[in-house]
Amino acid sequence: MLFSEIPGNNQVKKQLVKSTKSNKVGHAQLFLGNSGSGKLALAFAYAQFLNCEQKLEWDSCNKCNSCIKHKNLTHPDIHLVFPTVKTNKIKNPISDNFVNQWRELIIQNPYISLNEWTEHLGDKNKNIEGSIYKDEASSIHKKLGFKNYEALYRVVLIWLPEKMNKETSNKLLKVLEEPPKKTVFLLVSENTRGILETIKSRVQVIKIRDFSAKDIVEYFKSKKMSLEDAIQLRKETEGNLGKIIQKVNNTTYKIDLFERFSKWMRLIYKTDFQEISNWTDEISAIERKHQKEICEYSIKIIRECIIYTFASNTLLQLQEKELKFVEKFSKFIHEENAIPIIEKLEETIKSINRNGNPKIIFFELSLQMIKFLKLKRKFAIK
C-alpha cells in the first residue's frame, strides 16, 4: 500500500518517511486511532516503505520486488498477527491458520472493524469475539529465531493488540523491548486501555486522526463524490471510512436507523406494550450486526441531545430530519438519565455479542427506556 492511496494524516506520513530516511526507525511503534481510521493502512504503507528498494521522495516505488510482495501482503518478512477464533476444525488458533482469509478481506478494505472480521469467519447471525491467544506469542518467538529472509527490516504487525490476553502480552514483553536486529514491531490499536502498561511503556505511540469530509472526497474521487455527500456520510458514520466504503459499495441492504429509532421512541413515549413487542419481533429478525448498529445509533442520538441542550448547536452531527427530532426529543434527555441510558445500550451491545435472545434483550431494554425517560431532572435549565 502507498501513502498516497491513504487520504489525510499528511504530517504522520512525513514523520514516518523522515524517520526512515534518517535511519531513526523505532523498534516498537503503536498506531493509535478510532475504528475506521487510517491506522492499519498507514502501518502497511510504512512497512512497504521501510523495505522499498527504490524509494521515492515521499513514497514507495510500488514497482520493485519488495513492493509487489508487500502490496499483496505476501512478503516473507512481514508477519501478520490479528485476533482469531477457536473452531471445531482449528484447535490451534494462531494467525497463520487464518491469514489467507484475513489477507483477502484487508486487501479489499483495510479499514474494517473486528466485528466485520469475525463475522467473515462465522455465521452472520452468530457473533464471535476474536482474541490473540498465548500460542501466538510462541509462534512469534519461533519466527524471530530465524534471520530475515530477504528484507532490510523484518516487520511484525499486530492488529488490535488490546485483544491479547495477559499471558500473551507477558510472553512478548522482552522481545518488544529488545527485538532481534532490524526487526520492527508495528502495533495497530483502537483502545490502549486493553493493553498492559508494561507493553505501552515499550512502544512509541503515533496518533492517527479521523478522516475529514475532504479526505473522504479525495478517497472517492473516481466516483466523483460531492463534498455535501461526503459531509453527510461522515456524519452518519462518525468518519469511519470502513463503514463509508460499505455504504458506497453495498446497496443490497440498507437499514434506516433513524426510522427504527424514532419509531421505537414514539412507542416508548406512548407505553404501547403491544407495539413495542411487535417492534422487538422486527428487530430480532434482522442480523445481529444491524441490531448493534441500532444500539450504536441510539447512543449517538442521546449524545447529540446532550450537546443540543448543554453546548453549541454547531457541534451537532445531524441530518435535517434528525435535528428536527432532537429539538423535540432532547427535552426528555438530561443529566439524570443520559448516562444510565447510554450504559444500558452499551450493556445491550455486549448481550448481543454474547448471543443472547434478541427478543428478550430488546423488550427488556424497552422497559428500562420507559423508566429512564420518566425520570425528572432535579434542576431546571434557565
Protein backbone atom coordinates (compact mmCIF):
# COMPACT_ATOMS: atom_id res chain seq x y z
CA MET A 1 0.00 0.00 0.00
CA LEU A 2 1.16 3.50 -0.81
CA PHE A 3 0.96 6.54 1.45
CA SER A 4 -0.64 8.37 -1.49
CA GLU A 5 -3.53 5.87 -1.50
CA ILE A 6 -4.49 6.90 2.03
CA PRO A 7 -6.24 10.27 2.42
CA GLY A 8 -5.29 12.71 5.19
CA ASN A 9 -2.81 12.36 8.07
CA ASN A 10 -0.11 14.05 5.98
CA GLN A 11 2.01 15.01 8.98
CA VAL A 12 2.14 11.39 10.13
CA LYS A 13 3.20 10.29 6.65
CA LYS A 14 6.00 12.87 6.58
CA GLN A 15 7.12 11.80 10.05
CA LEU A 16 7.31 8.15 9.01
CA VAL A 17 9.20 8.91 5.78
CA LYS A 18 11.71 11.21 7.50
CA SER A 19 12.41 8.73 10.31
CA THR A 20 13.10 6.01 7.74
CA LYS A 21 15.43 8.13 5.62
CA SER A 22 17.34 9.31 8.69
CA ASN A 23 17.67 5.73 9.98
CA LYS A 24 15.71 6.56 13.14
CA VAL A 25 13.25 3.68 12.92
CA GLY A 26 11.67 2.83 16.27
CA HIS A 27 11.74 -0.88 17.03
CA ALA A 28 8.22 -0.86 18.54
CA GLN A 29 5.58 1.61 17.34
CA LEU A 30 1.88 1.78 18.10
CA PHE A 31 -0.52 3.31 15.57
CA LEU A 32 -3.49 4.52 17.61
CA GLY A 33 -6.79 5.58 16.05
CA ASN A 34 -10.53 5.08 16.09
CA SER A 35 -12.30 2.29 14.25
CA GLY A 36 -12.37 3.06 10.54
CA SER A 37 -9.39 5.44 10.68
CA GLY A 38 -6.23 5.08 8.57
CA LYS A 39 -4.13 3.39 11.25
CA LEU A 40 -3.85 -0.09 9.67
CA ALA A 41 -3.45 1.27 6.14
CA LEU A 42 -0.67 3.62 7.32
CA ALA A 43 1.10 0.76 9.10
CA PHE A 44 1.04 -1.26 5.86
CA ALA A 45 2.28 1.71 3.81
CA TYR A 46 5.07 2.28 6.35
CA ALA A 47 6.13 -1.38 6.27
CA GLN A 48 6.25 -1.25 2.47
CA PHE A 49 8.28 1.98 2.51
CA LEU A 50 10.77 0.55 5.03
CA ASN A 51 11.70 -2.21 2.59
CA CYS A 52 11.19 -0.46 -0.76
CA GLU A 53 14.28 -0.96 -2.93
CA GLN A 54 13.78 2.24 -4.96
CA LYS A 55 12.25 4.76 -2.56
CA LEU A 56 10.72 7.91 -3.99
CA GLU A 57 10.91 11.21 -2.13
CA TRP A 58 7.70 10.70 -0.13
CA ASP A 59 6.50 7.20 -1.00
CA SER A 60 7.39 3.67 -2.10
CA CYS A 61 8.05 2.98 -5.77
CA ASN A 62 5.33 0.27 -5.87
CA LYS A 63 7.30 -1.48 -8.63
CA CYS A 64 10.25 -3.25 -7.04
CA ASN A 65 10.16 -6.88 -5.97
CA SER A 66 9.66 -5.94 -2.32
CA CYS A 67 6.77 -3.52 -3.04
CA ILE A 68 4.91 -6.06 -5.16
CA LYS A 69 5.05 -8.60 -2.32
CA HIS A 70 4.06 -6.02 0.29
CA LYS A 71 1.16 -4.85 -1.89
CA ASN A 72 -0.25 -8.39 -1.80
CA LEU A 73 0.68 -8.86 1.88
CA THR A 74 2.74 -11.91 0.88
CA HIS A 75 6.24 -10.65 1.73
CA PRO A 76 8.07 -13.37 3.71
CA ASP A 77 9.46 -10.79 6.14
CA ILE A 78 6.13 -9.30 7.20
CA HIS A 79 4.44 -11.37 9.90
CA LEU A 80 0.75 -10.67 10.40
CA VAL A 81 -0.85 -11.11 13.80
CA PHE A 82 -4.55 -10.49 14.47
CA PRO A 83 -7.45 -11.78 16.62
CA THR A 84 -8.58 -15.30 15.75
CA VAL A 85 -11.30 -17.67 16.93
CA LYS A 86 -11.37 -21.25 18.08
CA THR A 87 -13.28 -23.54 15.73
CA ASN A 88 -14.02 -27.25 15.51
CA LYS A 89 -11.59 -27.54 12.61
CA ILE A 90 -8.81 -25.36 14.02
CA LYS A 91 -7.72 -26.18 17.57
CA ASN A 92 -4.58 -24.06 17.39
CA PRO A 93 -5.96 -20.53 16.82
CA ILE A 94 -2.92 -18.63 15.56
CA SER A 95 -2.98 -16.07 12.77
CA ASP A 96 -1.11 -18.28 10.28
CA ASN A 97 -4.13 -20.59 10.16
CA PHE A 98 -6.42 -17.71 9.11
CA VAL A 99 -4.00 -15.48 7.20
CA ASN A 100 -5.38 -16.17 3.70
CA GLN A 101 -8.89 -15.12 4.75
CA TRP A 102 -7.65 -12.05 6.63
CA ARG A 103 -5.33 -11.02 3.79
CA GLU A 104 -8.17 -11.25 1.26
CA LEU A 105 -10.50 -9.14 3.41
CA ILE A 106 -7.88 -6.50 4.26
CA ILE A 107 -6.79 -6.04 0.64
CA GLN A 108 -10.43 -5.29 -0.22
CA ASN A 109 -10.90 -2.89 2.70
CA PRO A 110 -8.02 -2.01 5.07
CA TYR A 111 -10.43 0.00 7.24
CA ILE A 112 -12.55 -2.91 8.52
CA SER A 113 -13.57 -3.48 12.14
CA LEU A 114 -13.04 -6.51 14.36
CA ASN A 115 -16.75 -7.35 14.06
CA GLU A 116 -16.51 -7.46 10.27
CA TRP A 117 -13.51 -9.79 10.51
CA THR A 118 -15.11 -12.21 12.98
CA GLU A 119 -18.39 -12.18 11.04
CA HIS A 120 -16.38 -13.12 7.96
CA LEU A 121 -15.19 -16.18 9.85
CA GLY A 122 -18.56 -17.41 11.09
CA ASP A 123 -22.33 -17.30 10.84
CA LYS A 124 -23.54 -13.73 10.27
CA ASN A 125 -26.17 -14.23 12.94
CA LYS A 126 -23.72 -15.63 15.46
CA ASN A 127 -21.30 -13.10 16.86
CA ILE A 128 -17.89 -14.39 17.85
CA GLU A 129 -15.32 -12.30 19.66
CA GLY A 130 -11.77 -12.75 18.47
CA SER A 131 -8.70 -12.94 20.70
CA ILE A 132 -4.94 -13.18 20.35
CA TYR A 133 -4.09 -16.35 22.26
CA LYS A 134 -0.90 -17.42 24.02
CA ASP A 135 0.08 -19.75 21.16
CA GLU A 136 0.52 -16.64 19.03
CA ALA A 137 3.35 -15.43 21.26
CA SER A 138 5.12 -18.79 20.87
CA SER A 139 4.69 -18.55 17.09
CA ILE A 140 6.21 -15.05 17.03
CA HIS A 141 9.21 -16.15 19.10
CA LYS A 142 9.77 -19.10 16.77
CA LYS A 143 9.72 -16.87 13.67
CA LEU A 144 12.09 -14.35 15.23
CA GLY A 145 14.56 -17.16 15.89
CA PHE A 146 15.39 -17.16 12.16
CA LYS A 147 17.24 -14.48 10.19
CA ASN A 148 15.43 -12.05 7.91
CA TYR A 149 14.55 -13.81 4.68
CA GLU A 150 15.31 -11.04 2.19
CA ALA A 151 14.24 -7.63 3.52
CA LEU A 152 16.23 -4.94 5.28
CA TYR A 153 13.59 -4.83 8.01
CA ARG A 154 11.51 -7.73 9.31
CA VAL A 155 8.09 -6.41 10.37
CA VAL A 156 5.76 -7.96 12.94
CA LEU A 157 2.39 -6.25 12.53
CA ILE A 158 -0.10 -6.84 15.35
CA TRP A 159 -3.64 -5.68 14.58
CA LEU A 160 -5.64 -4.88 17.75
CA PRO A 161 -3.08 -5.78 20.44
CA GLU A 162 -5.75 -4.95 23.04
CA LYS A 163 -7.20 -8.38 22.22
CA MET A 164 -4.10 -10.10 23.62
CA ASN A 165 -4.73 -11.79 26.94
CA LYS A 166 -2.35 -11.19 29.83
CA GLU A 167 -0.35 -14.36 29.26
CA THR A 168 0.23 -13.48 25.58
CA SER A 169 1.28 -9.93 26.47
CA ASN A 170 3.73 -11.08 29.15
CA LYS A 171 5.35 -13.52 26.73
CA LEU A 172 6.03 -10.68 24.28
CA LEU A 173 7.42 -8.14 26.77
CA LYS A 174 11.10 -8.98 26.40
CA VAL A 175 11.09 -9.26 22.62
CA LEU A 176 9.22 -5.95 22.33
CA GLU A 177 11.88 -4.28 24.46
CA GLU A 178 14.84 -5.94 22.77
CA PRO A 179 13.84 -7.36 19.38
CA PRO A 180 16.38 -9.01 17.07
CA LYS A 181 18.39 -6.65 14.86
CA LYS A 182 16.41 -4.99 12.04
CA THR A 183 13.09 -6.20 13.45
CA VAL A 184 10.25 -3.71 13.81
CA PHE A 185 7.02 -4.25 15.73
CA LEU A 186 4.03 -2.26 14.44
CA LEU A 187 1.03 -2.41 16.78
CA VAL A 188 -2.30 -1.11 15.44
CA SER A 189 -4.77 -0.27 18.19
CA GLU A 190 -8.18 1.32 18.77
CA ASN A 191 -8.16 1.27 22.57
CA THR A 192 -4.99 1.29 24.66
CA ARG A 193 -6.96 0.67 27.86
CA GLY A 194 -6.94 -3.02 26.94
CA ILE A 195 -3.14 -3.08 26.62
CA LEU A 196 -0.87 -3.79 29.58
CA GLU A 197 1.01 -0.77 30.92
CA THR A 198 4.25 -2.71 30.55
CA ILE A 199 3.53 -3.06 26.82
CA LYS A 200 2.55 0.60 26.40
CA SER A 201 5.78 1.73 28.09
CA ARG A 202 7.79 -0.11 25.44
CA VAL A 203 6.23 1.44 22.34
CA GLN A 204 6.30 4.79 20.55
CA VAL A 205 2.70 5.99 20.09
CA ILE A 206 1.65 7.52 16.77
CA LYS A 207 -1.82 9.06 16.92
CA ILE A 208 -3.92 8.79 13.78
CA ARG A 209 -6.73 11.29 13.35
CA ASP A 210 -10.15 10.54 11.86
CA PHE A 211 -10.88 11.29 8.22
CA SER A 212 -12.32 14.70 7.36
CA ALA A 213 -15.03 15.24 4.73
CA LYS A 214 -12.32 16.46 2.32
CA ASP A 215 -10.32 13.26 2.96
CA ILE A 216 -13.40 11.22 2.04
CA VAL A 217 -13.92 13.20 -1.17
CA GLU A 218 -10.27 12.55 -2.05
CA TYR A 219 -10.65 8.81 -1.42
CA PHE A 220 -13.73 8.55 -3.63
CA LYS A 221 -12.54 10.96 -6.32
CA SER A 222 -13.02 8.27 -9.02
CA LYS A 223 -16.70 8.16 -8.05
CA LYS A 224 -16.89 11.97 -8.19
CA MET A 225 -18.43 12.24 -4.73
CA SER A 226 -19.60 15.73 -3.79
CA LEU A 227 -18.43 17.46 -0.62
CA GLU A 228 -22.06 17.55 0.56
CA ASP A 229 -22.37 13.76 0.20
CA ALA A 230 -19.04 13.28 1.98
CA ILE A 231 -20.15 15.51 4.86
CA GLN A 232 -23.37 13.51 5.14
CA LEU A 233 -21.59 10.15 5.10
CA ARG A 234 -19.10 11.37 7.67
CA LYS A 235 -21.95 12.38 9.96
CA GLU A 236 -23.68 9.03 9.53
CA THR A 237 -20.53 7.01 10.27
CA GLU A 238 -18.59 9.42 12.53
CA GLY A 239 -15.76 9.42 10.00
CA ASN A 240 -15.42 5.62 9.84
CA LEU A 241 -14.06 5.03 6.33
CA GLY A 242 -14.64 1.28 6.58
CA LYS A 243 -18.38 1.86 7.04
CA ILE A 244 -18.43 4.54 4.32
CA ILE A 245 -16.84 2.11 1.84
CA GLN A 246 -19.52 -0.44 2.67
CA LYS A 247 -22.29 2.13 2.26
CA VAL A 248 -20.94 3.29 -1.10
CA ASN A 249 -20.22 -0.19 -2.47
CA ASN A 250 -23.07 -2.19 -0.98
CA THR A 251 -26.59 -1.20 -1.93
CA THR A 252 -28.15 -4.63 -1.39
CA TYR A 253 -29.19 -3.95 2.19
CA LYS A 254 -29.86 -0.64 3.83
CA ILE A 255 -31.35 -0.14 7.25
CA ASP A 256 -32.97 3.19 8.09
CA LEU A 257 -31.59 3.69 11.58
CA PHE A 258 -33.41 6.96 12.11
CA GLU A 259 -36.76 5.45 11.20
CA ARG A 260 -36.19 2.46 13.52
CA PHE A 261 -35.08 4.65 16.42
CA SER A 262 -37.74 7.35 16.09
CA LYS A 263 -40.50 4.75 15.82
CA TRP A 264 -39.14 2.98 18.91
CA MET A 265 -39.06 6.21 20.93
CA ARG A 266 -42.64 7.05 19.95
CA LEU A 267 -43.78 3.65 21.20
CA ILE A 268 -41.76 4.12 24.40
CA TYR A 269 -43.39 7.52 24.96
CA LYS A 270 -46.86 6.03 24.45
CA THR A 271 -46.01 2.99 26.64
CA ASP A 272 -47.65 0.84 23.95
CA PHE A 273 -46.53 -2.62 25.06
CA GLN A 274 -48.20 -4.48 22.19
CA GLU A 275 -46.49 -2.34 19.57
CA ILE A 276 -43.21 -2.46 21.49
CA SER A 277 -43.47 -6.25 21.38
CA ASN A 278 -44.07 -6.08 17.61
CA TRP A 279 -41.07 -3.77 17.24
CA THR A 280 -38.81 -6.19 19.14
CA ASP A 281 -40.02 -9.00 16.86
CA GLU A 282 -38.94 -6.92 13.84
CA ILE A 283 -35.54 -6.19 15.35
CA SER A 284 -34.90 -9.79 16.38
CA ALA A 285 -35.42 -10.87 12.75
CA ILE A 286 -32.51 -8.80 11.37
CA GLU A 287 -28.82 -9.70 11.53
CA ARG A 288 -27.02 -9.14 14.81
CA LYS A 289 -24.65 -6.60 13.31
CA HIS A 290 -27.67 -4.46 12.42
CA GLN A 291 -29.10 -4.91 15.93
CA LYS A 292 -25.85 -3.47 17.26
CA GLU A 293 -26.00 -0.65 14.72
CA ILE A 294 -29.39 0.36 16.16
CA CYS A 295 -27.93 0.48 19.67
CA GLU A 296 -24.88 2.44 18.48
CA TYR A 297 -27.13 4.87 16.63
CA SER A 298 -29.29 5.26 19.74
CA ILE A 299 -26.19 6.18 21.77
CA LYS A 300 -25.27 8.73 19.11
CA ILE A 301 -28.70 10.42 19.25
CA ILE A 302 -28.67 10.52 23.07
CA ARG A 303 -25.27 12.23 22.98
CA GLU A 304 -26.50 14.69 20.36
CA CYS A 305 -29.44 15.54 22.66
CA ILE A 306 -26.99 16.38 25.45
CA ILE A 307 -24.94 18.56 23.08
CA TYR A 308 -28.11 20.30 21.89
CA THR A 309 -29.14 21.08 25.47
CA PHE A 310 -25.83 21.96 27.09
CA ALA A 311 -23.45 23.03 24.28
CA SER A 312 -23.28 24.80 20.95
CA ASN A 313 -25.53 23.54 18.15
CA THR A 314 -22.60 23.96 15.77
CA LEU A 315 -21.13 20.79 17.32
CA LEU A 316 -24.10 18.68 16.23
CA GLN A 317 -23.51 15.96 13.63
CA LEU A 318 -27.09 15.53 12.38
CA GLN A 319 -29.14 15.35 9.22
CA GLU A 320 -32.05 17.77 8.90
CA LYS A 321 -34.67 15.18 9.92
CA GLU A 322 -32.53 14.11 12.87
CA LEU A 323 -32.14 17.72 14.02
CA LYS A 324 -35.91 18.25 13.99
CA PHE A 325 -36.31 15.09 16.05
CA VAL A 326 -33.59 16.09 18.55
CA GLU A 327 -35.13 19.53 19.02
CA LYS A 328 -38.20 17.84 20.50
CA PHE A 329 -36.70 14.69 21.99
CA SER A 330 -33.88 16.48 23.86
CA LYS A 331 -36.46 17.71 26.41
CA PHE A 332 -36.60 14.15 27.74
CA ILE A 333 -32.81 13.64 27.92
CA HIS A 334 -30.94 15.28 30.77
CA GLU A 335 -28.20 14.80 33.37
CA GLU A 336 -30.33 12.39 35.43
CA ASN A 337 -30.97 9.80 32.71
CA ALA A 338 -28.44 10.27 29.87
CA ILE A 339 -25.66 8.19 31.45
CA PRO A 340 -27.96 5.34 32.60
CA ILE A 341 -29.47 5.17 29.10
CA ILE A 342 -26.06 5.02 27.39
CA GLU A 343 -24.80 2.41 29.88
CA LYS A 344 -27.88 0.27 29.25
CA LEU A 345 -27.40 0.50 25.49
CA GLU A 346 -23.74 -0.47 25.83
CA GLU A 347 -24.79 -3.40 28.03
CA THR A 348 -27.26 -4.42 25.33
CA ILE A 349 -24.48 -4.49 22.71
CA LYS A 350 -22.49 -6.81 24.99
CA SER A 351 -25.53 -9.08 25.39
CA ILE A 352 -25.88 -9.27 21.60
CA ASN A 353 -22.18 -10.15 21.37
CA ARG A 354 -22.81 -12.98 23.82
CA ASN A 355 -25.55 -14.34 21.53
CA GLY A 356 -28.40 -13.51 23.91
CA ASN A 357 -32.01 -13.87 22.80
CA PRO A 358 -32.72 -10.59 20.92
CA LYS A 359 -36.45 -10.61 21.68
CA ILE A 360 -35.78 -10.74 25.42
CA ILE A 361 -32.86 -8.30 25.17
CA PHE A 362 -34.75 -5.58 23.28
CA PHE A 363 -38.01 -5.96 25.18
CA GLU A 364 -36.18 -5.63 28.50
CA LEU A 365 -34.26 -2.66 27.08
CA SER A 366 -37.57 -1.05 26.11
CA LEU A 367 -38.93 -1.44 29.63
CA GLN A 368 -35.82 0.22 31.01
CA MET A 369 -36.12 3.05 28.49
CA ILE A 370 -39.70 3.73 29.65
CA LYS A 371 -38.39 4.05 33.19
CA PHE A 372 -35.44 6.26 32.23
CA LEU A 373 -37.50 8.66 30.13
CA LYS A 374 -39.89 9.20 33.02
CA LEU A 375 -37.06 10.40 35.25
CA LYS A 376 -37.35 14.12 36.04
CA ARG A 377 -34.35 16.41 36.13
CA LYS A 378 -33.60 17.81 39.58
CA PHE A 379 -32.74 21.28 38.36
CA ALA A 380 -34.49 23.19 35.60
CA ILE A 381 -32.35 24.81 32.92
CA LYS A 382 -32.88 28.55 32.76
